[in-house]
N, C-alpha and C. Protein backbone atom coordinates (compact mmCIF):
# COMPACT_ATOMS: atom_id res chain seq x y z
N MET A 1 -108.38 197.05 121.61
CA MET A 1 -108.45 196.32 122.85
C MET A 1 -109.85 196.37 123.41
N LEU A 2 -110.43 197.55 123.42
CA LEU A 2 -111.78 197.72 123.95
C LEU A 2 -112.78 196.95 123.10
N PHE A 3 -112.58 197.01 121.76
CA PHE A 3 -113.50 196.30 120.87
C PHE A 3 -113.41 194.78 121.09
N ALA A 4 -112.20 194.25 121.27
CA ALA A 4 -112.01 192.81 121.49
C ALA A 4 -112.66 192.37 122.80
N ALA A 5 -112.52 193.20 123.84
CA ALA A 5 -113.13 192.87 125.13
C ALA A 5 -114.65 192.90 125.02
N LEU A 6 -115.19 193.91 124.33
CA LEU A 6 -116.64 194.03 124.15
C LEU A 6 -117.17 192.85 123.32
N ALA A 7 -116.45 192.47 122.28
CA ALA A 7 -116.87 191.35 121.44
C ALA A 7 -116.85 190.04 122.24
N ALA A 8 -115.86 189.87 123.10
CA ALA A 8 -115.78 188.66 123.91
C ALA A 8 -116.93 188.59 124.91
N VAL A 9 -117.29 189.75 125.51
CA VAL A 9 -118.39 189.79 126.47
C VAL A 9 -119.70 189.49 125.77
N LEU A 10 -119.89 190.01 124.59
CA LEU A 10 -121.13 189.79 123.85
C LEU A 10 -121.17 188.43 123.14
N GLY A 11 -120.07 187.71 123.17
CA GLY A 11 -120.03 186.40 122.53
C GLY A 11 -119.89 186.46 121.03
N LEU A 12 -119.37 187.56 120.50
CA LEU A 12 -119.23 187.69 119.06
C LEU A 12 -117.97 187.04 118.52
N ALA A 13 -116.97 186.94 119.34
CA ALA A 13 -115.70 186.38 118.88
C ALA A 13 -115.49 185.01 119.50
N ALA A 14 -115.22 184.03 118.68
CA ALA A 14 -114.91 182.69 119.17
C ALA A 14 -113.44 182.64 119.55
N PRO A 15 -113.12 181.98 120.63
CA PRO A 15 -111.71 181.89 121.00
C PRO A 15 -110.94 181.09 119.96
N ASP A 16 -109.72 181.49 119.73
CA ASP A 16 -108.87 180.77 118.79
C ASP A 16 -108.37 179.50 119.45
N THR A 17 -108.65 178.37 118.83
CA THR A 17 -108.15 177.10 119.34
C THR A 17 -107.23 176.51 118.29
N PRO A 18 -105.99 176.35 118.64
CA PRO A 18 -105.06 175.78 117.66
C PRO A 18 -105.40 174.32 117.40
N PRO A 19 -105.06 173.81 116.23
CA PRO A 19 -105.32 172.40 115.94
C PRO A 19 -104.50 171.51 116.86
N ASP A 20 -105.04 170.36 117.16
CA ASP A 20 -104.36 169.41 118.02
C ASP A 20 -103.16 168.82 117.27
N PRO A 21 -101.94 169.07 117.74
CA PRO A 21 -100.77 168.55 117.01
C PRO A 21 -100.65 167.03 117.08
N PHE A 22 -101.37 166.39 118.01
CA PHE A 22 -101.28 164.94 118.15
C PHE A 22 -102.42 164.22 117.45
N ALA A 23 -103.38 164.95 116.90
CA ALA A 23 -104.48 164.31 116.18
C ALA A 23 -103.95 163.74 114.87
N PRO A 24 -104.34 162.51 114.53
CA PRO A 24 -103.85 161.93 113.27
C PRO A 24 -104.46 162.68 112.08
N PRO A 25 -103.70 162.83 111.02
CA PRO A 25 -104.25 163.49 109.83
C PRO A 25 -105.38 162.66 109.24
N LEU A 26 -106.29 163.33 108.59
CA LEU A 26 -107.40 162.62 107.96
C LEU A 26 -106.88 161.72 106.85
N PRO A 27 -107.51 160.54 106.67
CA PRO A 27 -107.07 159.67 105.58
C PRO A 27 -107.46 160.26 104.24
N ARG A 28 -106.69 159.91 103.24
CA ARG A 28 -107.03 160.34 101.88
C ARG A 28 -108.14 159.42 101.35
N PRO A 29 -109.01 159.93 100.50
CA PRO A 29 -110.04 159.05 99.92
C PRO A 29 -109.39 157.92 99.13
N MET A 30 -110.07 156.79 99.09
CA MET A 30 -109.58 155.64 98.35
C MET A 30 -109.43 156.02 96.89
N THR A 31 -108.28 155.72 96.31
CA THR A 31 -108.01 156.06 94.91
C THR A 31 -107.92 154.79 94.08
N VAL A 32 -108.28 154.91 92.82
CA VAL A 32 -108.24 153.78 91.90
C VAL A 32 -107.22 154.06 90.81
N GLU A 33 -106.36 153.08 90.57
CA GLU A 33 -105.36 153.18 89.51
C GLU A 33 -105.62 152.06 88.51
N ILE A 34 -105.71 152.42 87.24
CA ILE A 34 -105.96 151.44 86.18
C ILE A 34 -104.77 151.47 85.23
N VAL A 35 -104.14 150.31 85.03
CA VAL A 35 -102.98 150.21 84.14
C VAL A 35 -103.30 149.18 83.08
N ARG A 36 -103.16 149.58 81.83
CA ARG A 36 -103.42 148.68 80.70
C ARG A 36 -102.09 148.19 80.15
N ASP A 37 -101.97 146.86 80.00
CA ASP A 37 -100.76 146.27 79.45
C ASP A 37 -100.64 146.70 77.99
N PRO A 38 -99.49 147.26 77.58
CA PRO A 38 -99.36 147.78 76.21
C PRO A 38 -99.34 146.69 75.14
N ILE A 39 -99.09 145.46 75.51
CA ILE A 39 -99.04 144.38 74.53
C ILE A 39 -100.37 143.63 74.46
N THR A 40 -100.92 143.23 75.62
CA THR A 40 -102.11 142.39 75.65
C THR A 40 -103.40 143.17 75.91
N ASP A 41 -103.30 144.43 76.30
CA ASP A 41 -104.45 145.27 76.68
C ASP A 41 -105.16 144.77 77.93
N ASP A 42 -104.56 143.83 78.65
CA ASP A 42 -105.14 143.39 79.92
C ASP A 42 -105.05 144.51 80.94
N LEU A 43 -106.06 144.57 81.81
CA LEU A 43 -106.09 145.61 82.83
C LEU A 43 -105.58 145.08 84.16
N ARG A 44 -104.89 145.94 84.86
CA ARG A 44 -104.55 145.72 86.26
C ARG A 44 -105.16 146.91 86.99
N VAL A 45 -106.04 146.62 87.95
CA VAL A 45 -106.77 147.67 88.65
C VAL A 45 -106.46 147.55 90.14
N GLN A 46 -106.20 148.70 90.75
CA GLN A 46 -105.87 148.71 92.18
C GLN A 46 -106.55 149.90 92.84
N ALA A 47 -107.27 149.63 93.93
CA ALA A 47 -107.88 150.69 94.74
C ALA A 47 -107.14 150.71 96.08
N THR A 48 -106.69 151.90 96.49
CA THR A 48 -105.85 152.00 97.68
C THR A 48 -106.39 153.04 98.64
N LEU A 49 -106.47 152.66 99.90
CA LEU A 49 -106.83 153.57 100.98
C LEU A 49 -105.61 153.71 101.87
N ARG A 50 -105.17 154.94 102.05
CA ARG A 50 -104.02 155.21 102.92
C ARG A 50 -104.51 155.96 104.15
N ASP A 51 -104.14 155.42 105.31
CA ASP A 51 -104.49 156.06 106.57
C ASP A 51 -103.23 156.07 107.42
N GLN A 52 -102.66 157.24 107.59
CA GLN A 52 -101.38 157.42 108.27
C GLN A 52 -100.32 156.59 107.56
N ASP A 53 -99.68 155.66 108.27
CA ASP A 53 -98.61 154.87 107.66
C ASP A 53 -99.07 153.47 107.28
N ARG A 54 -100.38 153.28 107.20
CA ARG A 54 -100.95 151.98 106.84
C ARG A 54 -101.64 152.09 105.48
N ARG A 55 -101.81 150.92 104.83
CA ARG A 55 -102.43 150.93 103.51
C ARG A 55 -103.35 149.72 103.38
N LEU A 56 -104.55 149.94 102.86
CA LEU A 56 -105.51 148.89 102.54
C LEU A 56 -105.68 148.90 101.03
N THR A 57 -105.43 147.76 100.38
CA THR A 57 -105.43 147.70 98.93
C THR A 57 -106.36 146.61 98.43
N LEU A 58 -107.12 146.95 97.39
CA LEU A 58 -107.95 145.99 96.66
C LEU A 58 -107.36 145.94 95.27
N ALA A 59 -107.13 144.75 94.73
CA ALA A 59 -106.50 144.67 93.42
C ALA A 59 -107.03 143.50 92.62
N CYS A 60 -107.06 143.70 91.30
CA CYS A 60 -107.31 142.57 90.40
C CYS A 60 -106.29 142.64 89.27
N ASP A 61 -105.70 141.50 89.00
CA ASP A 61 -104.71 141.36 87.93
C ASP A 61 -104.83 139.92 87.44
N PRO A 62 -105.52 139.71 86.33
CA PRO A 62 -105.82 138.34 85.89
C PRO A 62 -104.59 137.47 85.63
N HIS A 63 -103.43 138.07 85.40
CA HIS A 63 -102.23 137.26 85.15
C HIS A 63 -101.56 136.81 86.44
N ASP A 64 -101.76 137.54 87.52
CA ASP A 64 -101.11 137.19 88.78
C ASP A 64 -102.00 136.40 89.73
N PHE A 65 -103.30 136.62 89.69
CA PHE A 65 -104.20 135.89 90.57
C PHE A 65 -105.60 135.87 89.99
N GLU A 66 -106.42 134.94 90.47
CA GLU A 66 -107.71 134.65 89.85
C GLU A 66 -108.80 135.68 90.15
N PHE A 67 -108.82 136.20 91.36
CA PHE A 67 -109.92 137.07 91.78
C PHE A 67 -109.34 138.31 92.44
N ILE A 68 -110.17 139.10 93.02
CA ILE A 68 -109.74 140.32 93.69
C ILE A 68 -109.03 139.96 94.99
N ARG A 69 -107.95 140.65 95.26
CA ARG A 69 -107.21 140.46 96.51
C ARG A 69 -107.43 141.66 97.42
N VAL A 70 -107.53 141.37 98.70
CA VAL A 70 -107.58 142.41 99.72
C VAL A 70 -106.29 142.28 100.53
N THR A 71 -105.57 143.38 100.66
CA THR A 71 -104.30 143.36 101.37
C THR A 71 -104.22 144.56 102.29
N PHE A 72 -103.72 144.38 103.50
CA PHE A 72 -103.39 145.54 104.31
C PHE A 72 -101.94 145.45 104.75
N THR A 73 -101.32 146.61 104.90
CA THR A 73 -99.95 146.66 105.37
C THR A 73 -99.89 147.45 106.66
N SER A 74 -98.94 147.09 107.47
CA SER A 74 -98.75 147.70 108.78
C SER A 74 -97.36 148.32 108.85
N ASN A 75 -97.17 149.18 109.81
CA ASN A 75 -95.83 149.71 110.03
C ASN A 75 -95.03 148.79 110.96
N ARG A 76 -95.65 147.71 111.42
CA ARG A 76 -95.00 146.75 112.30
C ARG A 76 -94.94 145.39 111.63
N TRP A 77 -93.92 144.63 111.95
CA TRP A 77 -93.80 143.27 111.42
C TRP A 77 -94.83 142.40 112.11
N LEU A 78 -95.59 141.67 111.33
CA LEU A 78 -96.67 140.84 111.86
C LEU A 78 -96.16 139.43 112.17
N VAL A 79 -96.78 138.80 113.16
CA VAL A 79 -96.40 137.44 113.52
C VAL A 79 -96.68 136.54 112.31
N ARG A 80 -95.77 135.63 112.09
CA ARG A 80 -95.89 134.75 110.92
C ARG A 80 -97.04 133.78 111.07
N GLY A 81 -97.54 133.37 109.94
CA GLY A 81 -98.55 132.33 109.92
C GLY A 81 -97.87 130.97 109.85
N ASN A 82 -98.59 129.98 109.38
CA ASN A 82 -98.08 128.64 109.19
C ASN A 82 -96.80 128.70 108.36
N PHE A 83 -95.82 127.88 108.71
CA PHE A 83 -94.51 127.92 108.05
C PHE A 83 -94.62 127.72 106.53
N ILE A 84 -95.47 126.82 106.11
CA ILE A 84 -95.57 126.51 104.68
C ILE A 84 -96.56 127.42 103.98
N THR A 85 -97.76 127.55 104.52
CA THR A 85 -98.82 128.30 103.83
C THR A 85 -98.87 129.78 104.21
N ARG A 86 -98.25 130.15 105.33
CA ARG A 86 -98.27 131.52 105.88
C ARG A 86 -99.67 131.93 106.33
N GLU A 87 -100.60 131.00 106.44
CA GLU A 87 -101.96 131.31 106.85
C GLU A 87 -102.04 131.50 108.36
N ARG A 88 -102.89 132.46 108.75
CA ARG A 88 -103.06 132.77 110.16
C ARG A 88 -104.44 133.41 110.34
N PRO A 89 -105.18 133.01 111.38
CA PRO A 89 -106.48 133.66 111.61
C PRO A 89 -106.30 135.08 112.16
N LEU A 90 -107.07 136.01 111.60
CA LEU A 90 -107.10 137.40 112.07
C LEU A 90 -108.55 137.80 112.31
N LEU A 91 -108.74 138.74 113.20
CA LEU A 91 -110.06 139.33 113.44
C LEU A 91 -110.15 140.68 112.76
N TYR A 92 -111.31 140.96 112.19
CA TYR A 92 -111.56 142.32 111.71
C TYR A 92 -113.00 142.67 112.01
N ARG A 93 -113.27 143.96 112.04
CA ARG A 93 -114.61 144.44 112.37
C ARG A 93 -114.88 145.75 111.65
N PHE A 94 -116.04 145.83 111.01
CA PHE A 94 -116.50 147.08 110.40
C PHE A 94 -117.41 147.80 111.39
N ASP A 95 -117.11 149.04 111.69
CA ASP A 95 -117.92 149.88 112.59
C ASP A 95 -118.33 149.09 113.83
N ASP A 96 -119.65 148.96 114.06
CA ASP A 96 -120.16 148.25 115.23
C ASP A 96 -120.68 146.86 114.89
N ALA A 97 -120.33 146.35 113.71
CA ALA A 97 -120.79 145.03 113.28
C ALA A 97 -120.09 143.95 114.11
N ARG A 98 -120.57 142.74 113.98
CA ARG A 98 -119.98 141.60 114.68
C ARG A 98 -118.57 141.35 114.14
N PRO A 99 -117.58 141.09 115.00
CA PRO A 99 -116.23 140.77 114.52
C PRO A 99 -116.22 139.49 113.68
N VAL A 100 -115.33 139.46 112.71
CA VAL A 100 -115.21 138.31 111.82
C VAL A 100 -113.79 137.75 111.96
N ARG A 101 -113.70 136.45 112.11
CA ARG A 101 -112.40 135.78 112.20
C ARG A 101 -112.22 134.97 110.93
N LEU A 102 -111.18 135.30 110.16
CA LEU A 102 -110.90 134.60 108.91
C LEU A 102 -109.42 134.29 108.81
N ILE A 103 -109.12 133.35 107.95
CA ILE A 103 -107.72 133.00 107.66
C ILE A 103 -107.18 134.02 106.64
N TRP A 104 -106.07 134.64 106.98
CA TRP A 104 -105.36 135.57 106.09
C TRP A 104 -103.97 134.99 105.84
N ILE A 105 -103.37 135.37 104.76
CA ILE A 105 -102.00 134.97 104.44
C ILE A 105 -101.10 136.11 104.90
N VAL A 106 -100.24 135.83 105.86
CA VAL A 106 -99.42 136.87 106.50
C VAL A 106 -97.97 136.69 106.11
N LYS A 107 -97.36 137.80 105.70
CA LYS A 107 -95.93 137.79 105.37
C LYS A 107 -95.36 139.15 105.72
N ASP A 108 -94.36 139.16 106.57
CA ASP A 108 -93.66 140.38 106.97
C ASP A 108 -94.62 141.41 107.56
N ARG A 109 -94.88 142.50 106.84
CA ARG A 109 -95.76 143.56 107.36
C ARG A 109 -97.09 143.59 106.61
N GLU A 110 -97.44 142.50 105.96
CA GLU A 110 -98.60 142.47 105.08
C GLU A 110 -99.47 141.26 105.37
N ALA A 111 -100.78 141.45 105.25
CA ALA A 111 -101.73 140.34 105.35
C ALA A 111 -102.67 140.41 104.15
N ARG A 112 -102.97 139.24 103.58
CA ARG A 112 -103.76 139.19 102.35
C ARG A 112 -104.92 138.23 102.52
N LEU A 113 -106.09 138.65 102.08
CA LEU A 113 -107.29 137.82 102.09
C LEU A 113 -107.57 137.39 100.66
N ALA A 114 -107.84 136.11 100.49
CA ALA A 114 -108.15 135.60 99.16
C ALA A 114 -109.37 134.70 99.27
N GLY A 115 -109.95 134.39 98.13
CA GLY A 115 -111.13 133.53 98.08
C GLY A 115 -112.36 134.36 97.73
N ARG A 116 -113.06 133.93 96.73
CA ARG A 116 -114.18 134.70 96.18
C ARG A 116 -115.23 135.06 97.23
N ASN A 117 -115.69 134.10 98.02
CA ASN A 117 -116.74 134.40 99.00
C ASN A 117 -116.24 135.30 100.12
N ARG A 118 -115.03 135.02 100.62
CA ARG A 118 -114.49 135.82 101.72
C ARG A 118 -114.24 137.26 101.29
N VAL A 119 -113.68 137.44 100.10
CA VAL A 119 -113.43 138.79 99.59
C VAL A 119 -114.75 139.50 99.32
N GLY A 120 -115.73 138.79 98.76
CA GLY A 120 -117.04 139.39 98.51
C GLY A 120 -117.68 139.90 99.79
N ASP A 121 -117.63 139.09 100.85
CA ASP A 121 -118.18 139.52 102.14
C ASP A 121 -117.44 140.73 102.68
N PHE A 122 -116.12 140.73 102.53
CA PHE A 122 -115.32 141.87 103.01
C PHE A 122 -115.70 143.14 102.25
N LEU A 123 -115.83 143.06 100.93
CA LEU A 123 -116.18 144.24 100.13
C LEU A 123 -117.58 144.75 100.46
N ARG A 124 -118.53 143.84 100.73
CA ARG A 124 -119.88 144.27 101.14
C ARG A 124 -119.82 145.10 102.41
N GLY A 125 -119.01 144.69 103.36
CA GLY A 125 -118.87 145.45 104.59
C GLY A 125 -118.13 146.76 104.39
N LEU A 126 -117.15 146.75 103.51
CA LEU A 126 -116.31 147.93 103.29
C LEU A 126 -117.06 149.11 102.69
N VAL A 127 -117.97 148.86 101.74
CA VAL A 127 -118.59 149.96 101.01
C VAL A 127 -119.50 150.83 101.87
N ASP A 128 -120.02 150.30 102.97
CA ASP A 128 -120.94 151.07 103.80
C ASP A 128 -120.35 151.45 105.16
N ALA A 129 -119.10 151.11 105.40
CA ALA A 129 -118.51 151.33 106.72
C ALA A 129 -117.75 152.65 106.78
N ASP A 130 -117.59 153.14 107.99
CA ASP A 130 -116.76 154.32 108.24
C ASP A 130 -115.37 153.93 108.72
N GLU A 131 -115.25 152.66 109.18
CA GLU A 131 -113.98 152.24 109.76
C GLU A 131 -113.89 150.72 109.75
N VAL A 132 -112.69 150.21 109.57
CA VAL A 132 -112.42 148.79 109.76
C VAL A 132 -111.21 148.68 110.68
N VAL A 133 -111.30 147.74 111.62
CA VAL A 133 -110.22 147.53 112.58
C VAL A 133 -109.79 146.07 112.49
N PHE A 134 -108.49 145.85 112.39
CA PHE A 134 -107.92 144.50 112.38
C PHE A 134 -107.22 144.28 113.71
N ARG A 135 -107.36 143.07 114.25
CA ARG A 135 -106.61 142.70 115.45
C ARG A 135 -105.71 141.53 115.10
N THR A 136 -104.43 141.70 115.41
CA THR A 136 -103.46 140.64 115.16
C THR A 136 -102.34 140.79 116.19
N ARG A 137 -101.23 140.14 115.95
CA ARG A 137 -100.06 140.25 116.83
C ARG A 137 -98.84 140.57 115.99
N ASP A 138 -97.91 141.30 116.62
CA ASP A 138 -96.66 141.58 115.93
C ASP A 138 -95.66 140.46 116.23
N VAL A 139 -94.45 140.56 115.69
CA VAL A 139 -93.47 139.49 115.84
C VAL A 139 -93.03 139.28 117.28
N GLU A 140 -93.27 140.25 118.14
CA GLU A 140 -92.96 140.10 119.55
C GLU A 140 -94.16 139.55 120.32
N SER A 141 -95.19 139.13 119.59
CA SER A 141 -96.43 138.56 120.12
C SER A 141 -97.25 139.57 120.93
N THR A 142 -97.05 140.84 120.65
CA THR A 142 -97.85 141.89 121.28
C THR A 142 -99.11 142.09 120.45
N ARG A 143 -100.25 142.13 121.11
CA ARG A 143 -101.51 142.33 120.41
C ARG A 143 -101.54 143.76 119.86
N ILE A 144 -101.90 143.89 118.58
CA ILE A 144 -101.98 145.21 117.96
C ILE A 144 -103.32 145.38 117.24
N LEU A 145 -103.76 146.62 117.17
CA LEU A 145 -104.96 146.99 116.41
C LEU A 145 -104.53 147.87 115.25
N LEU A 146 -105.04 147.58 114.09
CA LEU A 146 -104.79 148.40 112.91
C LEU A 146 -106.13 148.99 112.48
N ARG A 147 -106.25 150.30 112.60
CA ARG A 147 -107.51 150.99 112.34
C ARG A 147 -107.40 151.76 111.02
N PHE A 148 -108.38 151.55 110.15
CA PHE A 148 -108.45 152.28 108.90
C PHE A 148 -109.76 153.07 108.88
N ARG A 149 -109.65 154.37 108.77
CA ARG A 149 -110.85 155.20 108.60
C ARG A 149 -111.15 155.20 107.10
N ILE A 150 -112.36 154.85 106.74
CA ILE A 150 -112.70 154.60 105.34
C ILE A 150 -113.32 155.85 104.72
N VAL A 151 -112.72 156.30 103.63
CA VAL A 151 -113.21 157.45 102.88
C VAL A 151 -113.21 157.09 101.40
N GLY A 152 -114.36 157.23 100.75
CA GLY A 152 -114.46 157.02 99.31
C GLY A 152 -114.45 155.58 98.84
N ALA A 153 -114.75 154.64 99.72
CA ALA A 153 -114.68 153.23 99.33
C ALA A 153 -115.80 152.83 98.38
N ARG A 154 -117.00 153.36 98.57
CA ARG A 154 -118.14 152.97 97.73
C ARG A 154 -117.84 153.23 96.25
N GLU A 155 -117.37 154.42 95.95
CA GLU A 155 -117.06 154.78 94.56
C GLU A 155 -115.88 153.96 94.03
N ALA A 156 -114.87 153.76 94.86
CA ALA A 156 -113.68 153.02 94.42
C ALA A 156 -114.01 151.55 94.16
N VAL A 157 -114.77 150.92 95.04
CA VAL A 157 -115.13 149.51 94.85
C VAL A 157 -116.03 149.37 93.63
N ASP A 158 -116.95 150.30 93.43
CA ASP A 158 -117.80 150.31 92.25
C ASP A 158 -116.94 150.32 90.98
N GLN A 159 -115.99 151.23 90.92
CA GLN A 159 -115.12 151.35 89.75
C GLN A 159 -114.25 150.10 89.58
N LEU A 160 -113.69 149.60 90.67
CA LEU A 160 -112.84 148.42 90.62
C LEU A 160 -113.60 147.22 90.07
N LEU A 161 -114.80 146.96 90.59
CA LEU A 161 -115.57 145.80 90.14
C LEU A 161 -115.98 145.93 88.68
N ARG A 162 -116.35 147.13 88.26
CA ARG A 162 -116.72 147.33 86.85
C ARG A 162 -115.52 147.10 85.93
N GLN A 163 -114.37 147.66 86.29
CA GLN A 163 -113.18 147.52 85.46
C GLN A 163 -112.67 146.09 85.42
N CYS A 164 -112.85 145.35 86.52
CA CYS A 164 -112.37 143.97 86.60
C CYS A 164 -113.35 142.98 85.98
N GLY A 165 -114.52 143.44 85.56
CA GLY A 165 -115.51 142.56 84.95
C GLY A 165 -116.22 141.67 85.95
N GLU A 166 -116.26 142.08 87.20
CA GLU A 166 -116.93 141.30 88.25
C GLU A 166 -118.38 141.77 88.39
N ASN A 167 -119.17 141.55 87.35
CA ASN A 167 -120.54 142.05 87.31
C ASN A 167 -121.45 141.38 88.34
N GLU A 168 -121.28 140.08 88.54
CA GLU A 168 -122.13 139.37 89.50
C GLU A 168 -121.91 139.91 90.92
N LEU A 169 -120.65 140.06 91.31
CA LEU A 169 -120.35 140.59 92.64
C LEU A 169 -120.80 142.05 92.74
N HIS A 170 -120.61 142.81 91.68
CA HIS A 170 -121.06 144.20 91.67
C HIS A 170 -122.56 144.28 91.93
N ASN A 171 -123.33 143.43 91.27
CA ASN A 171 -124.77 143.43 91.48
C ASN A 171 -125.16 142.99 92.88
N ARG A 172 -124.44 142.01 93.45
CA ARG A 172 -124.74 141.58 94.83
C ARG A 172 -124.47 142.68 95.84
N ILE A 173 -123.45 143.49 95.59
CA ILE A 173 -123.11 144.55 96.54
C ILE A 173 -123.95 145.79 96.34
N PHE A 174 -124.12 146.22 95.09
CA PHE A 174 -124.76 147.50 94.83
C PHE A 174 -126.23 147.40 94.44
N ASN A 175 -126.70 146.23 94.06
CA ASN A 175 -128.11 146.03 93.71
C ASN A 175 -128.63 144.77 94.36
N PRO A 176 -128.65 144.72 95.69
CA PRO A 176 -129.09 143.47 96.34
C PRO A 176 -130.56 143.20 96.05
N PRO A 177 -130.95 141.90 96.00
CA PRO A 177 -132.36 141.58 95.75
C PRO A 177 -133.24 142.14 96.86
N GLN A 178 -134.39 142.60 96.48
CA GLN A 178 -135.33 143.20 97.44
C GLN A 178 -136.19 142.17 98.07
């Protein structure tokens, strides 16, 4: 007891502070999964970032779609897009950069970005950012923010682009002209 009091007076002992039970757990680093088709040897590559109950996914699968897809999922049902195309404008922002408004394809709890230029711009922002925030509305028309803390995206995007054979985009992102 005397030693503890003396240590506290001299500043030798730091007070014990329990972890905040309401603080969200840290996101896991973005992981890359590569699956080779046993018949055709075609690759399906997927990079996934999980932050709490949300997921941000980058994927390439030449049999299902032409280019890389960016998809995020929410724990809430998202407001539907156009009845036929399911397209709906969403806002997103990397760190303190200017917000970007783009058309996403929205279905249930998922939104997907497609198109070579739009996906390329998104990946350029993703590799150097610490966070991306999406603003949309849920099915009750309540405005919601979906925040993803980004960990390990640079390495995952590098691996994804190399495995998918996207050399031109890889060079634009990782070796920009000087």
